[in-house]
Amino acid sequence: MKNAPDMIILGSTGSVGQQAIDVARQLNIKVNALSAHKDVKTVEAQAREFGVTACAMSDKQAARDLKARLADTDVKVYSGSEGICQMIEETKSVNDNGQIIENSILGEAGLKPTMAALRSESKLALANKESLVVGGDAVMKLARENGKEILPVDSEHCAIFQCLRSGKNEEIKNIILTASGGPFFGYTSDMLKEVTLEKTLAHPTWNMGAKITVDSATLMNKGFEVIEAVHLFGVRPEQIKVVVHRESIIHSAVEYIDNSVIAQMSVPDMRHCVQYALSHPERCEATTHELDLFSIGKLTFAKPDTDTFILLKKAFEVIKEGGALPAILNASNEEVVAAFLNKKIRFCDIADIVCKTVDSFGFAKAEHGLDEILGLATESRKVAQSIINTHSA
């Protein structure tokens, strides 16, 4: 790719991270640094393939193991979550086209690296939606102060970002956020009582990690994307319309005040989003397959069932209230989904426990600083765990 920046890939062993690795490989992008949690074997292979100068493992034992494995190289290995931020600060690029940090760390753990990236000289390509769900006000404030544009890598937000090139922000009437509907589209509440873990992890169109796949099945992931869109694009929650689009071909759209609707379409493949962040504001040759509308045949649309999948409704509620509630929603959901993946609770318990936890923090809708928000999020994890224990006892 012409005029390509170098890359730092955070969360390089996850689903999006590995697709970012593939884009770098196909476009011959130089990767300067990597981070992951525990998967030492994969990081070692990636580090050797790309000749990186630095790696960070958030798990400290994994960092020690990686350092031993790479002892025959000059790769500097950082340790712990603080090590990831230190690596971001210290990894410089000599490329005239600069460096881009692709943050695909999972969960709240991605927030501090996002802030570190915004303080650095590098661009930020953001696949960690929790950065904006948990600390949206602080993240956007820091971006403005440092004159940084956040390049979204979520397929829906990447689509909206592209559609917004057709008009001005003040001309936005609505943002149309598409959703696959997950594996249980059309299910009733009673049907959800019979759902198994195996059925939940069988997503109809996207290949994602286990946690995000569960969030897609509950529509919590779409709720987080609503919150993310409010912060990224400066719109009111009332301007976001969620539409179930089973084919996952239209990745999202923008409706303007003249009732024109501009949509972005492509095959469902996150490599397109990573590539667009790298090439923006230009485009480059594709790393994905072309879209064949004839083989698709038809595109369908439906309203989401927020009476059955109540977490989407809850996400709209908490972003309207603001304060620490979005962070509490995210933290409690992380705990509850982990319990489901460990078969401690049923699928139908997820939304109930998350909502009970969030509702117990009604006072948190007041304005709070980021440290206080993170403290309340930690408290909400304890509340969620106590409720989980009553369900699994």
Protein backbone atom coordinates (compact mmCIF):
# COMPACT_ATOMS: atom_id res chain seq x y z
CA MET A 1 0.00 0.00 0.00
CA LYS A 2 1.37 3.44 -0.95
CA ASN A 3 1.99 5.95 1.83
CA ALA A 4 1.22 3.32 4.47
CA PRO A 5 1.83 4.10 8.14
CA ASP A 6 3.52 1.60 10.45
CA MET A 7 1.27 -0.25 12.92
CA ILE A 8 1.04 -1.17 16.56
CA ILE A 9 -1.57 -3.91 17.01
CA LEU A 10 -3.08 -4.19 20.50
CA GLY A 11 -4.97 -7.40 21.17
CA SER A 12 -3.16 -9.10 18.31
CA THR A 13 -4.29 -12.63 19.19
CA GLY A 14 -8.03 -11.92 19.24
CA SER A 15 -10.42 -12.16 16.30
CA VAL A 16 -10.07 -8.54 15.13
CA GLY A 17 -6.39 -8.44 16.02
CA GLN A 18 -5.63 -11.47 13.89
CA GLN A 19 -7.53 -9.92 10.99
CA ALA A 20 -5.43 -6.78 11.46
CA ILE A 21 -2.36 -9.01 11.30
CA ASP A 22 -3.66 -10.46 8.04
CA VAL A 23 -4.21 -6.98 6.56
CA ALA A 24 -0.67 -5.98 7.54
CA ARG A 25 0.62 -9.16 5.92
CA GLN A 26 -1.33 -8.66 2.67
CA LEU A 27 -0.51 -4.95 2.35
CA ASN A 28 3.10 -5.34 3.46
CA ILE A 29 2.64 -3.00 6.43
CA LYS A 30 5.47 -2.72 8.95
CA VAL A 31 4.30 -3.74 12.44
CA ASN A 32 6.37 -2.14 15.19
CA ALA A 33 4.74 -3.60 18.30
CA LEU A 34 2.12 -6.07 19.54
CA SER A 35 0.15 -6.69 22.71
CA ALA A 36 -1.94 -9.57 24.00
CA HIS A 37 -3.12 -11.10 27.26
CA LYS A 38 -1.83 -14.68 27.64
CA ASP A 39 -1.35 -16.29 24.22
CA VAL A 40 2.44 -16.33 24.25
CA LYS A 41 2.83 -18.85 21.42
CA THR A 42 0.85 -16.76 18.93
CA VAL A 43 2.55 -13.49 19.91
CA GLU A 44 5.98 -15.06 19.54
CA ALA A 45 5.13 -16.24 16.02
CA GLN A 46 3.72 -12.80 15.10
CA ALA A 47 6.74 -11.00 16.58
CA ARG A 48 9.16 -13.12 14.59
CA GLU A 49 7.16 -12.84 11.36
CA PHE A 50 6.99 -9.03 11.44
CA GLY A 51 10.29 -8.31 13.16
CA VAL A 52 8.67 -6.10 15.79
CA THR A 53 10.72 -4.05 18.23
CA ALA A 54 8.38 -4.47 21.22
CA CYS A 55 5.65 -6.68 22.69
CA ALA A 56 3.49 -6.34 25.80
CA MET A 57 1.58 -9.04 27.67
CA SER A 58 -1.03 -7.89 30.18
CA ASP A 59 -0.57 -11.16 32.10
CA LYS A 60 2.74 -10.83 33.94
CA GLN A 61 3.60 -14.53 33.86
CA ALA A 62 2.93 -14.53 30.12
CA ALA A 63 5.30 -11.56 29.78
CA ARG A 64 8.04 -13.51 31.55
CA ASP A 65 7.44 -16.52 29.29
CA LEU A 66 7.51 -14.36 26.14
CA LYS A 67 10.73 -12.66 27.23
CA ALA A 68 12.37 -16.08 27.58
CA ARG A 69 11.06 -17.23 24.19
CA LEU A 70 12.39 -14.07 22.47
CA ALA A 71 15.71 -14.02 24.29
CA ASP A 72 17.55 -14.53 20.98
CA THR A 73 16.07 -11.29 19.59
CA ASP A 74 16.22 -7.58 20.42
CA VAL A 75 12.46 -7.41 21.09
CA LYS A 76 11.66 -5.48 24.27
CA VAL A 77 8.93 -7.18 26.31
CA TYR A 78 6.65 -5.09 28.53
CA SER A 79 4.57 -6.52 31.38
CA GLY A 80 1.11 -5.85 32.75
CA SER A 81 -1.59 -3.43 31.72
CA GLU A 82 0.69 -0.52 32.62
CA GLY A 83 3.32 -2.06 30.34
CA ILE A 84 1.00 -1.75 27.34
CA CYS A 85 0.67 1.99 27.93
CA GLN A 86 4.44 2.31 28.43
CA MET A 87 5.03 0.45 25.15
CA ILE A 88 2.69 2.85 23.35
CA GLU A 89 4.57 5.82 24.78
CA GLU A 90 8.03 4.48 23.95
CA THR A 91 7.48 2.86 20.53
CA LYS A 92 8.32 5.51 17.96
CA SER A 93 8.23 5.25 14.18
CA VAL A 94 10.74 6.65 11.68
CA ASN A 95 8.22 6.23 8.86
CA ASP A 96 7.43 9.56 7.18
CA ASN A 97 3.78 8.38 7.05
CA GLY A 98 3.67 7.95 10.80
CA GLN A 99 2.25 5.16 12.90
CA ILE A 100 -1.26 3.94 13.63
CA ILE A 101 -2.27 2.11 16.80
CA GLU A 102 -5.04 -0.44 16.21
CA ASN A 103 -6.68 -1.12 19.58
CA SER A 104 -8.62 -4.38 19.53
CA ILE A 105 -8.16 -5.23 23.22
CA LEU A 106 -11.30 -6.81 24.65
CA GLY A 107 -13.37 -5.06 27.29
CA GLU A 108 -12.73 -2.27 29.78
CA ALA A 109 -9.02 -3.21 29.71
CA GLY A 110 -8.76 -1.32 26.40
CA LEU A 111 -9.60 2.09 27.90
CA LYS A 112 -6.21 3.08 29.30
CA PRO A 113 -4.37 2.04 26.09
CA THR A 114 -6.86 4.17 24.14
CA MET A 115 -6.01 7.17 26.32
CA ALA A 116 -2.29 6.44 25.94
CA ALA A 117 -2.69 6.25 22.15
CA LEU A 118 -4.46 9.62 22.10
CA ARG A 119 -1.58 11.15 24.07
CA SER A 120 1.00 9.70 21.69
CA GLU A 121 2.11 10.95 18.28
CA SER A 122 0.32 8.03 16.57
CA LYS A 123 -3.12 7.83 15.00
CA LEU A 124 -5.75 5.68 16.72
CA ALA A 125 -7.82 3.02 14.98
CA LEU A 126 -10.36 1.93 17.58
CA ALA A 127 -11.91 -1.54 17.69
CA ASN A 128 -12.33 -1.47 21.47
CA LYS A 129 -15.87 -0.11 21.85
CA GLU A 130 -15.67 -0.28 25.64
CA SER A 131 -13.27 2.69 25.63
CA LEU A 132 -16.21 4.86 24.60
CA VAL A 133 -18.86 2.98 26.56
CA VAL A 134 -16.91 3.32 29.81
CA GLY A 135 -15.05 6.60 29.32
CA GLY A 136 -16.68 8.24 26.33
CA ASP A 137 -16.68 11.81 27.63
CA ALA A 138 -13.05 11.62 28.78
CA VAL A 139 -11.88 9.89 25.59
CA MET A 140 -13.55 12.39 23.26
CA LYS A 141 -12.32 15.33 25.36
CA LEU A 142 -8.73 14.04 25.14
CA ALA A 143 -9.08 13.50 21.39
CA ARG A 144 -10.26 17.08 20.92
CA GLU A 145 -7.50 18.50 23.11
CA ASN A 146 -4.85 16.63 21.12
CA GLY A 147 -6.41 17.28 17.72
CA LYS A 148 -6.88 13.56 17.12
CA GLU A 149 -9.48 11.92 14.88
CA ILE A 150 -10.55 8.48 16.11
CA LEU A 151 -10.76 6.05 13.19
CA PRO A 152 -13.46 3.48 14.04
CA VAL A 153 -12.84 -0.18 13.24
CA ASP A 154 -16.19 -1.60 14.39
CA SER A 155 -17.92 -2.52 11.12
CA GLU A 156 -20.98 -0.38 11.88
CA HIS A 157 -19.03 2.70 12.96
CA CYS A 158 -16.56 2.34 10.12
CA ALA A 159 -19.60 2.31 7.80
CA ILE A 160 -21.09 5.42 9.41
CA PHE A 161 -17.70 7.13 9.27
CA GLN A 162 -17.61 6.49 5.51
CA CYS A 163 -21.23 7.58 5.00
CA LEU A 164 -20.55 10.87 6.79
CA ARG A 165 -18.25 11.89 3.96
CA SER A 166 -21.47 12.59 2.03
CA GLY A 167 -22.65 15.39 4.29
CA LYS A 168 -22.04 17.55 7.35
CA ASN A 169 -22.68 16.46 10.92
CA GLU A 170 -25.31 19.15 11.35
CA GLU A 171 -27.15 17.63 8.36
CA ILE A 172 -27.60 14.25 10.08
CA LYS A 173 -31.23 13.33 10.68
CA ASN A 174 -30.71 9.76 11.90
CA ILE A 175 -27.99 7.15 12.11
CA ILE A 176 -29.24 3.73 11.02
CA LEU A 177 -27.29 1.12 12.95
CA THR A 178 -27.70 -2.34 11.47
CA ALA A 179 -27.73 -5.54 13.52
CA SER A 180 -27.56 -9.16 12.42
CA GLY A 181 -30.07 -10.08 15.12
CA GLY A 182 -27.78 -12.83 16.37
CA PRO A 183 -28.57 -16.56 16.41
CA PHE A 184 -31.87 -16.13 18.28
CA PHE A 185 -33.66 -13.62 16.07
CA GLY A 186 -37.40 -14.31 16.34
CA TYR A 187 -37.15 -16.20 19.63
CA THR A 188 -39.61 -15.55 22.44
CA SER A 189 -38.65 -15.23 26.11
CA ASP A 190 -39.80 -18.79 26.71
CA MET A 191 -37.66 -20.07 23.83
CA LEU A 192 -34.62 -18.32 25.28
CA LYS A 193 -34.95 -20.48 28.41
CA GLU A 194 -33.88 -23.49 26.33
CA VAL A 195 -30.83 -21.84 24.77
CA THR A 196 -27.48 -23.58 25.28
CA LEU A 197 -23.95 -22.20 25.26
CA GLU A 198 -23.19 -24.09 22.05
CA LYS A 199 -26.17 -22.55 20.24
CA THR A 200 -25.21 -19.10 21.49
CA LEU A 201 -21.71 -19.30 20.05
CA ALA A 202 -23.01 -20.19 16.57
CA HIS A 203 -23.29 -16.67 15.07
CA PRO A 204 -25.06 -16.58 11.68
CA THR A 205 -22.66 -14.28 9.80
CA TRP A 206 -19.66 -13.04 11.82
CA ASN A 207 -16.68 -14.99 13.17
CA MET A 208 -15.94 -13.35 16.52
CA GLY A 209 -14.58 -14.17 19.94
CA ALA A 210 -16.80 -15.92 22.48
CA LYS A 211 -17.61 -12.86 24.60
CA ILE A 212 -18.63 -10.65 21.67
CA THR A 213 -20.64 -13.53 20.18
CA VAL A 214 -22.66 -13.79 23.41
CA ASP A 215 -23.14 -10.01 23.41
CA SER A 216 -24.41 -10.24 19.84
CA ALA A 217 -26.91 -12.93 20.85
CA THR A 218 -28.30 -10.79 23.71
CA LEU A 219 -28.14 -7.59 21.57
CA MET A 220 -25.91 -6.10 24.27
CA ASN A 221 -23.22 -5.61 21.64
CA LYS A 222 -25.62 -3.49 19.62
CA GLY A 223 -26.45 -1.52 22.75
CA PHE A 224 -22.77 -0.80 23.28
CA GLU A 225 -22.55 0.32 19.65
CA VAL A 226 -25.39 2.78 20.26
CA ILE A 227 -23.42 4.30 23.14
CA GLU A 228 -20.26 4.32 21.03
CA ALA A 229 -22.05 6.11 18.17
CA VAL A 230 -23.41 8.82 20.48
CA HIS A 231 -19.85 9.71 21.52
CA LEU A 232 -18.08 9.21 18.19
CA PHE A 233 -20.52 11.14 16.03
CA GLY A 234 -21.93 13.67 18.49
CA VAL A 235 -25.58 12.68 18.01
CA ARG A 236 -28.41 12.27 20.48
CA PRO A 237 -29.56 8.74 21.41
CA GLU A 238 -32.92 9.57 19.81
CA GLN A 239 -31.16 9.96 16.44
CA ILE A 240 -29.99 6.34 16.41
CA LYS A 241 -32.29 3.75 14.84
CA VAL A 242 -31.35 0.08 15.18
CA VAL A 243 -32.47 -2.11 12.27
CA VAL A 244 -32.12 -5.90 12.11
CA HIS A 245 -30.51 -6.79 8.80
CA ARG A 246 -29.88 -10.52 8.73
CA GLU A 247 -27.62 -10.58 5.69
CA SER A 248 -25.03 -8.23 7.28
CA ILE A 249 -24.31 -6.61 3.90
CA ILE A 250 -25.37 -3.05 4.76
CA HIS A 251 -23.10 -2.30 7.70
CA SER A 252 -24.91 0.91 8.65
CA ALA A 253 -26.30 4.05 7.05
CA VAL A 254 -26.84 7.76 7.62
CA GLU A 255 -30.15 9.49 6.91
CA TYR A 256 -29.75 13.20 6.16
CA ILE A 257 -32.20 16.04 6.68
CA ASP A 258 -33.24 15.87 3.01
CA ASN A 259 -34.30 12.23 3.64
CA SER A 260 -31.43 10.87 1.55
CA VAL A 261 -30.04 7.65 3.04
CA ILE A 262 -26.38 6.86 2.35
CA ALA A 263 -25.40 3.26 3.19
CA GLN A 264 -22.10 1.39 3.11
CA MET A 265 -22.13 -2.19 1.84
CA SER A 266 -19.49 -4.92 1.62
CA VAL A 267 -19.05 -8.58 2.43
CA PRO A 268 -19.01 -9.10 6.24
CA ASP A 269 -15.27 -9.04 6.89
CA MET A 270 -13.52 -6.91 9.50
CA ARG A 271 -10.39 -6.68 7.35
CA HIS A 272 -12.17 -4.02 5.29
CA CYS A 273 -12.53 -1.84 8.40
CA VAL A 274 -8.88 -2.26 9.41
CA GLN A 275 -7.77 -1.49 5.87
CA TYR A 276 -9.94 1.64 5.65
CA ALA A 277 -8.46 2.99 8.89
CA LEU A 278 -4.97 2.45 7.45
CA SER A 279 -5.67 4.11 4.10
CA HIS A 280 -8.04 6.90 5.25
CA PRO A 281 -8.76 9.39 3.76
CA GLU A 282 -7.80 7.46 0.63
CA ARG A 283 -8.69 3.92 -0.45
CA CYS A 284 -6.46 1.07 -1.58
CA GLU A 285 -6.86 -2.28 -3.30
CA ALA A 286 -9.07 -4.70 -1.36
CA THR A 287 -7.91 -7.39 1.04
CA THR A 288 -11.45 -8.86 1.03
CA HIS A 289 -13.72 -10.49 -1.53
CA GLU A 290 -15.89 -8.25 -3.72
CA LEU A 291 -19.62 -8.01 -3.02
CA ASP A 292 -21.78 -10.00 -5.45
CA LEU A 293 -25.33 -8.69 -5.06
CA PHE A 294 -26.66 -11.23 -7.55
CA SER A 295 -25.65 -14.15 -5.34
CA ILE A 296 -27.14 -12.43 -2.28
CA GLY A 297 -30.44 -11.93 -4.05
CA LYS A 298 -32.28 -9.88 -1.43
CA LEU A 299 -31.73 -7.70 1.62
CA THR A 300 -34.19 -7.79 4.53
CA PHE A 301 -34.91 -5.42 7.41
CA ALA A 302 -36.86 -5.76 10.67
CA LYS A 303 -37.38 -3.96 13.96
CA PRO A 304 -35.44 -5.36 16.94
CA ASP A 305 -37.55 -7.03 19.64
CA THR A 306 -36.50 -4.97 22.64
CA ASP A 307 -39.21 -6.51 24.83
CA THR A 308 -37.49 -9.90 24.56
CA PHE A 309 -33.92 -8.64 24.17
CA ILE A 310 -34.08 -6.01 26.86
CA LEU A 311 -30.37 -5.15 27.02
CA LEU A 312 -30.64 -3.06 23.86
CA LYS A 313 -33.38 -1.03 25.52
CA LYS A 314 -31.27 -0.75 28.68
CA ALA A 315 -28.34 0.65 26.66
CA PHE A 316 -30.54 3.46 25.32
CA GLU A 317 -31.68 4.18 28.88
CA VAL A 318 -28.19 4.42 30.35
CA ILE A 319 -26.75 6.64 27.62
CA LYS A 320 -29.68 9.03 28.06
CA GLU A 321 -29.03 9.12 31.82
CA GLY A 322 -25.25 9.28 31.41
CA GLY A 323 -22.84 9.51 34.31
CA ALA A 324 -21.28 6.20 35.33
CA LEU A 325 -24.23 4.07 34.19
CA PRO A 326 -22.75 3.05 30.81
CA ALA A 327 -19.57 1.90 32.57
CA ILE A 328 -21.65 -0.01 35.11
CA LEU A 329 -23.63 -1.62 32.31
CA ASN A 330 -20.41 -2.76 30.65
CA ALA A 331 -18.72 -4.01 33.83
CA SER A 332 -21.72 -5.98 35.03
CA ASN A 333 -22.19 -7.46 31.56
CA GLU A 334 -18.54 -8.59 31.47
CA GLU A 335 -19.01 -10.45 34.76
CA VAL A 336 -22.32 -12.00 33.78
CA VAL A 337 -21.16 -13.15 30.34
CA ALA A 338 -18.08 -14.74 31.91
CA ALA A 339 -20.40 -16.64 34.26
CA PHE A 340 -22.49 -17.84 31.31
CA LEU A 341 -19.39 -18.95 29.39
CA ASN A 342 -18.38 -20.93 32.50
CA LYS A 343 -21.90 -22.46 32.58
CA LYS A 344 -22.73 -20.97 35.99
CA ILE A 345 -25.95 -19.36 34.74
CA ARG A 346 -28.40 -19.78 31.86
CA PHE A 347 -28.58 -17.56 28.79
CA CYS A 348 -31.94 -16.18 29.90
CA ASP A 349 -30.35 -15.06 33.21
CA ILE A 350 -27.86 -12.72 31.53
CA ALA A 351 -30.17 -9.75 30.86
CA ASP A 352 -31.96 -10.13 34.19
CA ILE A 353 -28.76 -10.01 36.24
CA VAL A 354 -27.24 -7.14 34.25
CA CYS A 355 -30.40 -5.03 34.56
CA LYS A 356 -30.73 -5.73 38.30
CA THR A 357 -27.13 -4.66 38.80
CA VAL A 358 -27.50 -1.43 36.78
CA ASP A 359 -30.79 -0.54 38.48
CA SER A 360 -29.12 -0.81 41.90
CA PHE A 361 -26.81 2.07 40.89
CA GLY A 362 -29.47 4.64 40.01
CA PHE A 363 -27.51 7.34 41.86
CA ALA A 364 -24.65 6.92 39.37
CA LYS A 365 -26.44 8.89 36.68
CA ALA A 366 -24.94 12.06 38.15
CA GLU A 367 -21.79 13.48 36.55
CA HIS A 368 -18.58 11.75 37.67
CA GLY A 369 -14.87 11.94 36.90
CA LEU A 370 -13.20 9.02 35.13
CA ASP A 371 -11.56 7.61 38.27
CA GLU A 372 -14.88 7.65 40.11
CA ILE A 373 -16.59 6.02 37.11
CA LEU A 374 -14.03 3.21 37.11
CA GLY A 375 -14.49 2.79 40.86
CA LEU A 376 -18.26 2.45 40.46
CA ALA A 377 -17.71 -0.04 37.63
CA THR A 378 -15.58 -2.13 39.97
CA GLU A 379 -18.30 -1.99 42.62
CA SER A 380 -20.87 -3.11 40.05
CA ARG A 381 -18.78 -6.21 39.32
CA LYS A 382 -19.11 -7.22 42.97
CA VAL A 383 -22.87 -6.66 42.90
CA ALA A 384 -23.20 -8.70 39.71
CA GLN A 385 -21.15 -11.52 41.23
CA SER A 386 -23.35 -11.62 44.32
CA ILE A 387 -26.46 -11.96 42.14
CA ILE A 388 -24.73 -14.60 39.99
CA ASN A 389 -23.98 -16.62 43.14
CA THR A 390 -27.67 -16.70 44.06
CA HIS A 391 -28.52 -18.04 40.59
CA SER A 392 -25.81 -20.69 40.53
CA ALA A 393 -26.14 -21.82 44.14
